[in-house]
């Protein structure tokens, strides 16, 4: 789980101004600020593999893939997050400077400290985004990709990928082989 940063409370506007002067990244939920902790090497490798695979496959489309250092605004939750990978096809997002608001796909790579949060409260916040069609959770240790697809406004269906599968992203009409997702990661 993330650690609270000095029990600071901000408005969203004040948080954006404050965070620009900080050396570390912070997430923001309803006035509370949480320091982001570092991740292990495998986390960065897998995030990079997914970003590179999506970027390559999205060339020539209006969709863009973004990696961990760009914030996502979830206005309905009064929150800002740093997903590992985000894809947006919305023209306003493709011109955004500080944060995105209209993602179609979000990827979170699990770590021991954030797994419960990524599966629970964070997913609940992300479901507030009307534009979001797929939420992807990557478990490096089990070499598994869980893709939650929006079926209706309140219903999400799990598509579980492991082994030799290709992970299908229906919202983008593309797929990534799991061998590519977990490339350069040692065996289980």
N, C-alpha and C. Protein backbone atom coordinates (compact mmCIF):
# COMPACT_ATOMS: atom_id res chain seq x y z
N UNK A 1 0.84 -1.18 0.00
CA UNK A 1 0.00 0.00 0.00
C UNK A 1 0.89 1.24 0.00
N UNK A 2 0.37 2.32 -0.48
CA UNK A 2 1.11 3.57 -0.49
C UNK A 2 1.14 4.15 0.91
N UNK A 3 2.09 5.04 1.16
CA UNK A 3 2.21 5.69 2.46
C UNK A 3 1.67 7.10 2.37
N UNK A 4 0.96 7.52 3.41
CA UNK A 4 0.46 8.89 3.46
C UNK A 4 1.64 9.84 3.59
N UNK A 5 1.64 10.91 2.83
CA UNK A 5 2.73 11.89 2.85
C UNK A 5 2.40 13.00 3.84
N UNK A 6 2.98 12.93 5.02
CA UNK A 6 2.88 13.99 6.03
C UNK A 6 1.45 14.42 6.35
N UNK A 7 0.47 13.59 6.15
CA UNK A 7 -0.93 13.89 6.44
C UNK A 7 -1.38 15.21 5.80
N UNK A 8 -0.93 15.49 4.60
CA UNK A 8 -1.31 16.71 3.91
C UNK A 8 -2.71 16.57 3.32
N UNK A 9 -3.46 17.67 3.32
CA UNK A 9 -4.79 17.69 2.69
C UNK A 9 -4.82 18.90 1.76
N UNK A 10 -5.31 18.65 0.54
CA UNK A 10 -5.32 19.66 -0.50
C UNK A 10 -6.63 19.62 -1.27
N UNK A 11 -6.91 20.70 -1.96
CA UNK A 11 -7.89 20.65 -3.03
C UNK A 11 -7.15 20.08 -4.25
N UNK A 12 -7.88 19.66 -5.26
CA UNK A 12 -7.24 19.13 -6.46
C UNK A 12 -6.31 20.16 -7.10
N UNK A 13 -6.73 21.40 -7.16
CA UNK A 13 -5.92 22.46 -7.75
C UNK A 13 -4.64 22.70 -6.95
N UNK A 14 -4.78 22.73 -5.64
CA UNK A 14 -3.61 22.93 -4.78
C UNK A 14 -2.65 21.74 -4.89
N UNK A 15 -3.20 20.53 -4.97
CA UNK A 15 -2.36 19.35 -5.13
C UNK A 15 -1.52 19.44 -6.39
N UNK A 16 -2.14 19.80 -7.52
CA UNK A 16 -1.40 19.90 -8.78
C UNK A 16 -0.25 20.89 -8.67
N UNK A 17 -0.50 22.03 -8.06
CA UNK A 17 0.55 23.05 -7.90
C UNK A 17 1.64 22.54 -6.96
N UNK A 18 1.26 21.93 -5.85
CA UNK A 18 2.22 21.42 -4.87
C UNK A 18 3.08 20.31 -5.48
N UNK A 19 2.46 19.38 -6.18
CA UNK A 19 3.21 18.23 -6.68
C UNK A 19 4.28 18.63 -7.70
N UNK A 20 4.05 19.70 -8.44
CA UNK A 20 5.05 20.15 -9.43
C UNK A 20 6.39 20.46 -8.77
N UNK A 21 6.38 20.81 -7.50
CA UNK A 21 7.64 21.16 -6.82
C UNK A 21 8.23 19.98 -6.05
N UNK A 22 7.64 18.80 -6.16
CA UNK A 22 8.10 17.64 -5.40
C UNK A 22 9.03 16.76 -6.24
N UNK A 23 9.99 16.15 -5.58
CA UNK A 23 10.91 15.25 -6.27
C UNK A 23 10.25 13.89 -6.54
N UNK A 24 9.35 13.47 -5.66
CA UNK A 24 8.67 12.18 -5.82
C UNK A 24 7.27 12.39 -6.37
N UNK A 25 6.71 11.29 -6.90
CA UNK A 25 5.32 11.32 -7.36
C UNK A 25 4.40 11.02 -6.19
N UNK A 26 3.18 11.57 -6.28
CA UNK A 26 2.17 11.35 -5.26
C UNK A 26 0.83 11.12 -5.93
N UNK A 27 0.03 10.26 -5.33
CA UNK A 27 -1.34 10.12 -5.77
C UNK A 27 -2.22 10.90 -4.80
N UNK A 28 -3.42 11.22 -5.24
CA UNK A 28 -4.31 12.12 -4.51
C UNK A 28 -5.71 11.54 -4.54
N UNK A 29 -6.33 11.39 -3.38
CA UNK A 29 -7.72 10.91 -3.30
C UNK A 29 -8.46 11.74 -2.26
N UNK A 30 -9.46 12.48 -2.72
CA UNK A 30 -10.36 13.24 -1.84
C UNK A 30 -9.60 14.05 -0.78
N UNK A 31 -8.61 14.79 -1.22
CA UNK A 31 -7.88 15.67 -0.32
C UNK A 31 -6.65 15.07 0.32
N UNK A 32 -6.52 13.75 0.32
CA UNK A 32 -5.35 13.10 0.91
C UNK A 32 -4.29 12.82 -0.14
N UNK A 33 -3.03 12.95 0.27
CA UNK A 33 -1.90 12.76 -0.63
C UNK A 33 -1.12 11.53 -0.18
N UNK A 34 -0.74 10.69 -1.15
CA UNK A 34 -0.03 9.45 -0.86
C UNK A 34 1.25 9.39 -1.68
N UNK A 35 2.37 9.21 -0.99
CA UNK A 35 3.66 9.11 -1.66
C UNK A 35 3.73 7.78 -2.42
N UNK A 36 4.28 7.83 -3.62
CA UNK A 36 4.47 6.62 -4.42
C UNK A 36 5.81 6.00 -4.01
N UNK A 37 5.81 4.69 -3.84
CA UNK A 37 7.05 4.00 -3.48
C UNK A 37 7.67 3.40 -4.74
N UNK A 38 8.95 3.17 -4.71
CA UNK A 38 9.65 2.58 -5.85
C UNK A 38 9.18 1.16 -6.12
N UNK A 39 9.43 0.71 -7.33
CA UNK A 39 9.03 -0.64 -7.74
C UNK A 39 10.27 -1.45 -8.09
N UNK A 40 10.12 -2.75 -8.11
CA UNK A 40 11.23 -3.62 -8.47
C UNK A 40 11.47 -3.58 -9.98
N UNK A 41 12.63 -4.02 -10.40
CA UNK A 41 13.04 -3.99 -11.80
C UNK A 41 12.01 -4.65 -12.71
N UNK A 42 11.51 -5.81 -12.32
CA UNK A 42 10.56 -6.55 -13.16
C UNK A 42 9.30 -5.74 -13.45
N UNK A 43 8.90 -4.92 -12.51
CA UNK A 43 7.72 -4.06 -12.68
C UNK A 43 7.94 -3.10 -13.84
N UNK A 44 9.11 -2.47 -13.87
CA UNK A 44 9.42 -1.53 -14.94
C UNK A 44 9.57 -2.22 -16.29
N UNK A 45 10.17 -3.41 -16.28
CA UNK A 45 10.35 -4.16 -17.53
C UNK A 45 8.99 -4.52 -18.13
N UNK A 46 8.09 -5.07 -17.31
CA UNK A 46 6.78 -5.47 -17.81
C UNK A 46 5.96 -4.26 -18.25
N UNK A 47 5.97 -3.19 -17.46
CA UNK A 47 5.27 -1.97 -17.87
C UNK A 47 5.80 -1.46 -19.20
N UNK A 48 7.11 -1.45 -19.35
CA UNK A 48 7.73 -1.01 -20.60
C UNK A 48 7.38 -1.92 -21.77
N UNK A 49 7.34 -3.23 -21.53
CA UNK A 49 6.97 -4.16 -22.60
C UNK A 49 5.55 -3.90 -23.08
N UNK A 50 4.63 -3.68 -22.14
CA UNK A 50 3.23 -3.43 -22.51
C UNK A 50 3.12 -2.11 -23.25
N UNK A 51 3.75 -1.07 -22.72
CA UNK A 51 3.73 0.23 -23.38
C UNK A 51 4.28 0.13 -24.81
N UNK A 52 5.43 -0.52 -24.96
CA UNK A 52 6.05 -0.63 -26.30
C UNK A 52 5.16 -1.41 -27.25
N UNK A 53 4.57 -2.51 -26.77
CA UNK A 53 3.69 -3.30 -27.62
C UNK A 53 2.45 -2.53 -28.04
N UNK A 54 1.87 -1.80 -27.11
CA UNK A 54 0.69 -1.00 -27.45
C UNK A 54 1.05 0.14 -28.39
N UNK A 55 2.13 0.85 -28.09
CA UNK A 55 2.53 1.97 -28.95
C UNK A 55 2.74 1.52 -30.39
N UNK A 56 3.42 0.40 -30.55
CA UNK A 56 3.68 -0.13 -31.89
C UNK A 56 2.37 -0.47 -32.61
N UNK A 57 1.46 -1.11 -31.93
CA UNK A 57 0.22 -1.56 -32.56
C UNK A 57 -0.79 -0.42 -32.77
N UNK A 58 -0.62 0.69 -32.07
CA UNK A 58 -1.55 1.81 -32.18
C UNK A 58 -1.11 2.86 -33.21
N UNK A 59 0.05 2.66 -33.80
CA UNK A 59 0.51 3.63 -34.82
C UNK A 59 -0.55 3.79 -35.91
N UNK A 60 -0.77 5.04 -36.31
CA UNK A 60 -1.72 5.32 -37.37
C UNK A 60 -3.17 5.38 -36.90
N UNK A 61 -3.38 5.27 -35.60
CA UNK A 61 -4.74 5.38 -35.05
C UNK A 61 -4.81 6.65 -34.20
N UNK A 62 -6.00 7.05 -33.79
CA UNK A 62 -6.10 8.21 -32.91
C UNK A 62 -5.75 7.90 -31.46
N UNK A 63 -5.45 6.65 -31.16
CA UNK A 63 -5.16 6.22 -29.79
C UNK A 63 -3.68 6.36 -29.47
N UNK A 64 -3.39 6.74 -28.21
CA UNK A 64 -2.02 6.90 -27.76
C UNK A 64 -1.83 6.15 -26.44
N UNK A 65 -0.68 5.52 -26.33
CA UNK A 65 -0.29 4.85 -25.08
C UNK A 65 0.62 5.79 -24.30
N UNK A 66 0.43 5.81 -22.98
CA UNK A 66 1.23 6.64 -22.09
C UNK A 66 1.74 5.75 -20.96
N UNK A 67 2.93 6.06 -20.47
CA UNK A 67 3.53 5.25 -19.40
C UNK A 67 3.55 6.04 -18.09
N UNK A 68 3.89 5.42 -17.03
CA UNK A 68 3.73 5.76 -15.62
C UNK A 68 3.85 7.21 -15.18
N UNK A 69 4.53 8.08 -15.84
CA UNK A 69 4.74 9.42 -15.31
C UNK A 69 3.66 10.43 -15.66
N UNK A 70 2.60 10.02 -16.32
CA UNK A 70 1.50 10.93 -16.64
C UNK A 70 0.32 10.62 -15.74
N UNK A 71 -0.20 11.65 -15.09
CA UNK A 71 -1.32 11.48 -14.17
C UNK A 71 -2.63 11.20 -14.91
N UNK A 72 -3.52 10.52 -14.20
CA UNK A 72 -4.89 10.29 -14.63
C UNK A 72 -5.81 10.97 -13.62
N UNK A 73 -6.74 11.78 -14.11
CA UNK A 73 -7.72 12.46 -13.25
C UNK A 73 -9.00 11.65 -13.24
N UNK A 74 -9.46 11.28 -12.05
CA UNK A 74 -10.77 10.65 -11.88
C UNK A 74 -11.61 11.66 -11.10
N UNK A 75 -12.28 12.53 -11.84
CA UNK A 75 -12.98 13.65 -11.22
C UNK A 75 -14.08 13.19 -10.27
N UNK A 76 -14.81 12.15 -10.62
CA UNK A 76 -15.91 11.66 -9.77
C UNK A 76 -15.42 11.19 -8.41
N UNK A 77 -14.16 10.81 -8.31
CA UNK A 77 -13.57 10.38 -7.05
C UNK A 77 -12.68 11.46 -6.44
N UNK A 78 -12.60 12.63 -7.08
CA UNK A 78 -11.70 13.70 -6.66
C UNK A 78 -10.30 13.13 -6.46
N UNK A 79 -9.77 12.51 -7.54
CA UNK A 79 -8.51 11.77 -7.41
C UNK A 79 -7.62 11.93 -8.62
N UNK A 80 -6.30 11.76 -8.37
CA UNK A 80 -5.29 11.67 -9.41
C UNK A 80 -4.46 10.41 -9.13
N UNK A 81 -4.20 9.64 -10.19
CA UNK A 81 -3.40 8.43 -10.07
C UNK A 81 -2.31 8.42 -11.14
N UNK A 82 -1.35 7.53 -10.96
CA UNK A 82 -0.30 7.27 -11.94
C UNK A 82 -0.38 5.81 -12.37
N UNK A 83 -1.30 5.45 -13.27
CA UNK A 83 -1.33 4.06 -13.74
C UNK A 83 -0.02 3.71 -14.44
N UNK A 84 0.30 2.43 -14.48
CA UNK A 84 1.53 2.00 -15.14
C UNK A 84 1.47 2.27 -16.63
N UNK A 85 0.34 2.01 -17.26
CA UNK A 85 0.14 2.30 -18.68
C UNK A 85 -1.31 2.76 -18.86
N UNK A 86 -1.50 3.77 -19.68
CA UNK A 86 -2.83 4.29 -20.01
C UNK A 86 -2.92 4.39 -21.52
N UNK A 87 -4.10 4.08 -22.07
CA UNK A 87 -4.36 4.35 -23.48
C UNK A 87 -5.60 5.23 -23.56
N UNK A 88 -5.48 6.30 -24.32
CA UNK A 88 -6.61 7.17 -24.58
C UNK A 88 -6.72 7.41 -26.08
N UNK A 89 -7.95 7.47 -26.55
CA UNK A 89 -8.21 7.76 -27.96
C UNK A 89 -8.92 9.10 -28.10
N UNK A 90 -9.02 9.82 -27.01
CA UNK A 90 -9.75 11.08 -26.97
C UNK A 90 -8.83 12.24 -27.38
N UNK A 91 -9.29 13.09 -28.26
CA UNK A 91 -8.44 14.17 -28.78
C UNK A 91 -8.00 15.14 -27.68
N UNK A 92 -8.84 15.40 -26.69
CA UNK A 92 -8.43 16.31 -25.60
C UNK A 92 -7.29 15.71 -24.79
N UNK A 93 -7.32 14.40 -24.55
CA UNK A 93 -6.23 13.76 -23.82
C UNK A 93 -4.94 13.82 -24.62
N UNK A 94 -5.03 13.69 -25.91
CA UNK A 94 -3.82 13.69 -26.74
C UNK A 94 -3.18 15.07 -26.83
N UNK A 95 -3.83 16.08 -26.26
CA UNK A 95 -3.26 17.43 -26.18
C UNK A 95 -3.00 17.84 -24.73
N UNK A 96 -3.33 16.98 -23.78
CA UNK A 96 -3.24 17.31 -22.35
C UNK A 96 -1.80 17.53 -21.92
N UNK A 97 -1.61 18.44 -20.99
CA UNK A 97 -0.29 18.73 -20.46
C UNK A 97 -0.03 18.03 -19.12
N UNK A 98 -0.97 18.11 -18.19
CA UNK A 98 -0.74 17.60 -16.83
C UNK A 98 -1.35 16.24 -16.55
N UNK A 99 -2.52 15.97 -17.12
CA UNK A 99 -3.20 14.72 -16.80
C UNK A 99 -4.21 14.36 -17.88
N UNK A 100 -4.52 13.07 -17.93
CA UNK A 100 -5.54 12.54 -18.84
C UNK A 100 -6.86 12.40 -18.08
N UNK A 101 -7.97 12.40 -18.82
CA UNK A 101 -9.29 12.24 -18.19
C UNK A 101 -10.18 11.23 -18.90
N UNK A 102 -9.80 10.78 -20.09
CA UNK A 102 -10.68 9.93 -20.90
C UNK A 102 -10.00 8.63 -21.34
N UNK A 103 -9.45 7.85 -20.45
CA UNK A 103 -8.76 6.62 -20.87
C UNK A 103 -9.76 5.57 -21.37
N UNK A 104 -9.32 4.78 -22.31
CA UNK A 104 -10.12 3.64 -22.76
C UNK A 104 -9.61 2.35 -22.13
N UNK A 105 -8.29 2.35 -21.79
CA UNK A 105 -7.66 1.18 -21.19
C UNK A 105 -6.65 1.65 -20.15
N UNK A 106 -6.63 0.96 -19.00
CA UNK A 106 -5.67 1.23 -17.94
C UNK A 106 -5.01 -0.08 -17.56
N UNK A 107 -3.67 -0.05 -17.39
CA UNK A 107 -2.92 -1.23 -16.96
C UNK A 107 -2.24 -0.91 -15.63
N UNK A 108 -2.40 -1.81 -14.68
CA UNK A 108 -1.66 -1.75 -13.43
C UNK A 108 -0.87 -3.04 -13.28
N UNK A 109 0.43 -2.93 -13.06
CA UNK A 109 1.29 -4.08 -12.79
C UNK A 109 1.37 -4.21 -11.28
N UNK A 110 0.99 -5.38 -10.77
CA UNK A 110 0.92 -5.57 -9.33
C UNK A 110 2.29 -5.58 -8.67
N UNK A 111 2.33 -5.06 -7.46
CA UNK A 111 3.48 -5.22 -6.58
C UNK A 111 2.92 -5.70 -5.25
N UNK A 112 3.77 -6.26 -4.42
CA UNK A 112 3.29 -6.79 -3.13
C UNK A 112 2.58 -5.71 -2.32
N UNK A 113 3.10 -4.49 -2.36
CA UNK A 113 2.55 -3.43 -1.51
C UNK A 113 1.26 -2.82 -2.05
N UNK A 114 0.95 -2.98 -3.34
CA UNK A 114 -0.23 -2.33 -3.91
C UNK A 114 -1.28 -3.29 -4.45
N UNK A 115 -1.04 -4.59 -4.43
CA UNK A 115 -1.93 -5.56 -5.08
C UNK A 115 -3.37 -5.44 -4.58
N UNK A 116 -3.59 -5.42 -3.28
CA UNK A 116 -4.95 -5.35 -2.75
C UNK A 116 -5.63 -4.04 -3.15
N UNK A 117 -4.89 -2.94 -3.10
CA UNK A 117 -5.44 -1.64 -3.48
C UNK A 117 -5.78 -1.59 -4.97
N UNK A 118 -4.86 -2.10 -5.82
CA UNK A 118 -5.10 -2.10 -7.26
C UNK A 118 -6.34 -2.92 -7.62
N UNK A 119 -6.56 -4.03 -6.93
CA UNK A 119 -7.71 -4.89 -7.19
C UNK A 119 -9.00 -4.35 -6.56
N UNK A 120 -8.87 -3.56 -5.51
CA UNK A 120 -10.03 -3.11 -4.75
C UNK A 120 -10.41 -1.66 -4.99
N UNK A 121 -10.00 -0.79 -4.07
CA UNK A 121 -10.42 0.61 -4.13
C UNK A 121 -10.01 1.32 -5.42
N UNK A 122 -8.79 1.06 -5.89
CA UNK A 122 -8.36 1.76 -7.11
C UNK A 122 -9.24 1.36 -8.29
N UNK A 123 -9.55 0.08 -8.41
CA UNK A 123 -10.44 -0.37 -9.48
C UNK A 123 -11.83 0.27 -9.32
N UNK A 124 -12.30 0.41 -8.10
CA UNK A 124 -13.59 1.07 -7.87
C UNK A 124 -13.55 2.52 -8.34
N UNK A 125 -12.44 3.22 -8.06
CA UNK A 125 -12.30 4.60 -8.55
C UNK A 125 -12.26 4.62 -10.07
N UNK A 126 -11.49 3.73 -10.67
CA UNK A 126 -11.39 3.70 -12.13
C UNK A 126 -12.74 3.43 -12.79
N UNK A 127 -13.57 2.63 -12.16
CA UNK A 127 -14.89 2.33 -12.74
C UNK A 127 -15.78 3.56 -12.83
N UNK A 128 -15.42 4.64 -12.15
CA UNK A 128 -16.16 5.91 -12.26
C UNK A 128 -15.92 6.59 -13.60
N UNK A 129 -14.91 6.16 -14.34
CA UNK A 129 -14.58 6.77 -15.63
C UNK A 129 -15.47 6.19 -16.73
N UNK A 130 -16.37 7.01 -17.27
CA UNK A 130 -17.29 6.54 -18.31
C UNK A 130 -16.56 6.04 -19.55
N UNK A 131 -15.41 6.60 -19.83
CA UNK A 131 -14.66 6.24 -21.04
C UNK A 131 -13.97 4.88 -20.92
N UNK A 132 -13.70 4.43 -19.70
CA UNK A 132 -12.90 3.22 -19.49
C UNK A 132 -13.64 1.97 -19.95
N UNK A 133 -13.00 1.21 -20.84
CA UNK A 133 -13.58 -0.03 -21.35
C UNK A 133 -12.88 -1.27 -20.84
N UNK A 134 -11.57 -1.14 -20.51
CA UNK A 134 -10.82 -2.29 -20.02
C UNK A 134 -9.85 -1.87 -18.92
N UNK A 135 -9.83 -2.67 -17.87
CA UNK A 135 -8.88 -2.48 -16.77
C UNK A 135 -8.06 -3.76 -16.70
N UNK A 136 -6.75 -3.62 -16.81
CA UNK A 136 -5.85 -4.76 -16.93
C UNK A 136 -4.95 -4.81 -15.70
N UNK A 137 -4.92 -5.97 -15.06
CA UNK A 137 -4.06 -6.21 -13.91
C UNK A 137 -3.05 -7.27 -14.32
N UNK A 138 -1.77 -6.96 -14.13
CA UNK A 138 -0.70 -7.88 -14.52
C UNK A 138 -0.03 -8.40 -13.26
N UNK A 139 -0.02 -9.72 -13.12
CA UNK A 139 0.62 -10.38 -11.99
C UNK A 139 1.90 -11.04 -12.49
N UNK A 140 3.03 -10.42 -12.21
CA UNK A 140 4.32 -10.92 -12.70
C UNK A 140 4.64 -12.29 -12.12
N UNK A 141 4.41 -12.46 -10.83
CA UNK A 141 4.79 -13.71 -10.16
C UNK A 141 4.08 -14.93 -10.75
N UNK A 142 2.82 -14.79 -11.12
CA UNK A 142 2.09 -15.93 -11.69
C UNK A 142 2.03 -15.88 -13.22
N UNK A 143 2.67 -14.87 -13.83
CA UNK A 143 2.66 -14.71 -15.30
C UNK A 143 1.23 -14.72 -15.83
N UNK A 144 0.41 -13.89 -15.23
CA UNK A 144 -1.02 -13.84 -15.53
C UNK A 144 -1.43 -12.41 -15.82
N UNK A 145 -2.35 -12.26 -16.79
CA UNK A 145 -2.95 -10.96 -17.10
C UNK A 145 -4.45 -11.10 -16.94
N UNK A 146 -5.01 -10.27 -16.07
CA UNK A 146 -6.46 -10.26 -15.86
C UNK A 146 -7.01 -9.01 -16.52
N UNK A 147 -7.88 -9.20 -17.49
CA UNK A 147 -8.46 -8.08 -18.22
C UNK A 147 -9.94 -8.00 -17.87
N UNK A 148 -10.31 -6.93 -17.18
CA UNK A 148 -11.71 -6.69 -16.84
C UNK A 148 -12.30 -5.81 -17.93
N UNK A 149 -13.35 -6.31 -18.59
CA UNK A 149 -14.01 -5.57 -19.67
C UNK A 149 -15.39 -5.11 -19.23
N UNK A 150 -15.68 -3.86 -19.56
CA UNK A 150 -17.00 -3.30 -19.23
C UNK A 150 -18.05 -4.00 -20.10
N UNK A 151 -19.04 -4.60 -19.46
CA UNK A 151 -20.16 -5.22 -20.17
C UNK A 151 -21.35 -4.26 -20.19
N UNK A 152 -21.62 -3.63 -19.06
CA UNK A 152 -22.65 -2.60 -18.93
C UNK A 152 -22.07 -1.54 -18.00
N UNK A 153 -22.86 -0.53 -17.67
CA UNK A 153 -22.37 0.51 -16.77
C UNK A 153 -21.89 -0.05 -15.44
N UNK A 154 -22.56 -1.09 -14.94
CA UNK A 154 -22.25 -1.62 -13.61
C UNK A 154 -21.70 -3.03 -13.63
N UNK A 155 -21.39 -3.55 -14.80
CA UNK A 155 -20.96 -4.94 -14.89
C UNK A 155 -19.64 -5.03 -15.65
N UNK A 156 -18.68 -5.72 -15.04
CA UNK A 156 -17.37 -5.93 -15.63
C UNK A 156 -17.10 -7.42 -15.69
N UNK A 157 -16.63 -7.91 -16.83
CA UNK A 157 -16.35 -9.33 -17.01
C UNK A 157 -14.85 -9.57 -17.03
N UNK A 158 -14.41 -10.60 -16.32
CA UNK A 158 -13.00 -10.95 -16.25
C UNK A 158 -12.62 -11.89 -17.38
N UNK A 159 -11.54 -11.56 -18.07
CA UNK A 159 -10.90 -12.44 -19.07
C UNK A 159 -9.50 -12.68 -18.56
N UNK A 160 -9.21 -13.93 -18.23
CA UNK A 160 -7.97 -14.32 -17.57
C UNK A 160 -7.02 -14.94 -18.58
N UNK A 161 -5.83 -14.36 -18.74
CA UNK A 161 -4.86 -14.84 -19.71
C UNK A 161 -3.61 -15.36 -18.99
N UNK A 162 -3.18 -16.56 -19.37
CA UNK A 162 -1.96 -17.14 -18.80
C UNK A 162 -1.42 -18.17 -19.77
N UNK A 163 -0.22 -18.64 -19.52
CA UNK A 163 0.38 -19.66 -20.39
C UNK A 163 0.78 -19.09 -21.74
N UNK A 164 0.31 -19.71 -22.79
CA UNK A 164 0.68 -19.33 -24.16
C UNK A 164 -0.33 -18.39 -24.81
N UNK A 165 -1.28 -17.89 -24.04
CA UNK A 165 -2.34 -17.05 -24.59
C UNK A 165 -1.81 -15.74 -25.15
N UNK A 166 -2.60 -15.16 -26.03
CA UNK A 166 -2.45 -13.76 -26.41
C UNK A 166 -3.47 -12.98 -25.59
N UNK A 167 -3.06 -11.87 -25.03
CA UNK A 167 -3.97 -11.02 -24.27
C UNK A 167 -4.68 -10.11 -25.26
N UNK A 168 -6.00 -10.23 -25.32
CA UNK A 168 -6.79 -9.44 -26.27
C UNK A 168 -7.33 -8.18 -25.58
N UNK A 169 -7.12 -7.05 -26.26
CA UNK A 169 -7.68 -5.78 -25.82
C UNK A 169 -8.76 -5.40 -26.81
N UNK A 170 -9.97 -5.80 -26.52
CA UNK A 170 -11.09 -5.60 -27.45
C UNK A 170 -11.36 -4.13 -27.71
N UNK A 171 -11.15 -3.28 -26.71
CA UNK A 171 -11.42 -1.85 -26.88
C UNK A 171 -10.54 -1.23 -27.95
N UNK A 172 -9.40 -1.85 -28.22
CA UNK A 172 -8.44 -1.33 -29.19
C UNK A 172 -8.32 -2.22 -30.42
N UNK A 173 -9.01 -3.36 -30.41
CA UNK A 173 -8.94 -4.35 -31.50
C UNK A 173 -7.51 -4.82 -31.76
N UNK A 174 -6.77 -5.06 -30.66
CA UNK A 174 -5.41 -5.56 -30.77
C UNK A 174 -5.17 -6.63 -29.71
N UNK A 175 -4.06 -7.35 -29.84
CA UNK A 175 -3.68 -8.31 -28.82
C UNK A 175 -2.16 -8.28 -28.65
N UNK A 176 -1.72 -8.73 -27.48
CA UNK A 176 -0.30 -8.86 -27.18
C UNK A 176 -0.05 -10.28 -26.71
N UNK A 177 0.94 -10.96 -27.29
CA UNK A 177 1.30 -12.28 -26.77
C UNK A 177 1.86 -12.14 -25.35
N UNK A 178 1.51 -13.07 -24.48
CA UNK A 178 2.04 -13.01 -23.11
C UNK A 178 3.56 -13.13 -23.11
N UNK A 179 4.11 -13.82 -24.09
CA UNK A 179 5.57 -13.91 -24.19
C UNK A 179 6.18 -12.51 -24.37
N UNK A 180 5.49 -11.63 -25.05
CA UNK A 180 5.96 -10.25 -25.23
C UNK A 180 5.76 -9.44 -23.94
N UNK A 181 4.64 -9.65 -23.27
CA UNK A 181 4.36 -8.94 -22.01
C UNK A 181 5.45 -9.25 -20.98
N UNK A 182 5.84 -10.55 -20.89
CA UNK A 182 6.81 -10.98 -19.87
C UNK A 182 8.21 -11.18 -20.42
N UNK A 183 8.50 -10.59 -21.57
CA UNK A 183 9.83 -10.68 -22.16
C UNK A 183 10.87 -10.10 -21.19
N UNK A 184 12.01 -10.75 -21.12
CA UNK A 184 13.14 -10.34 -20.28
C UNK A 184 12.88 -10.47 -18.78
N UNK A 185 11.90 -11.29 -18.43
CA UNK A 185 11.62 -11.62 -17.04
C UNK A 185 12.01 -13.09 -16.86
N UNK A 186 12.75 -13.38 -15.82
CA UNK A 186 13.20 -14.76 -15.57
C UNK A 186 12.03 -15.71 -15.40
N UNK A 187 12.30 -17.00 -15.37
CA UNK A 187 11.24 -18.01 -15.24
C UNK A 187 10.67 -17.98 -13.84
N UNK A 188 9.44 -18.54 -13.75
CA UNK A 188 8.72 -18.56 -12.48
C UNK A 188 9.40 -19.43 -11.47
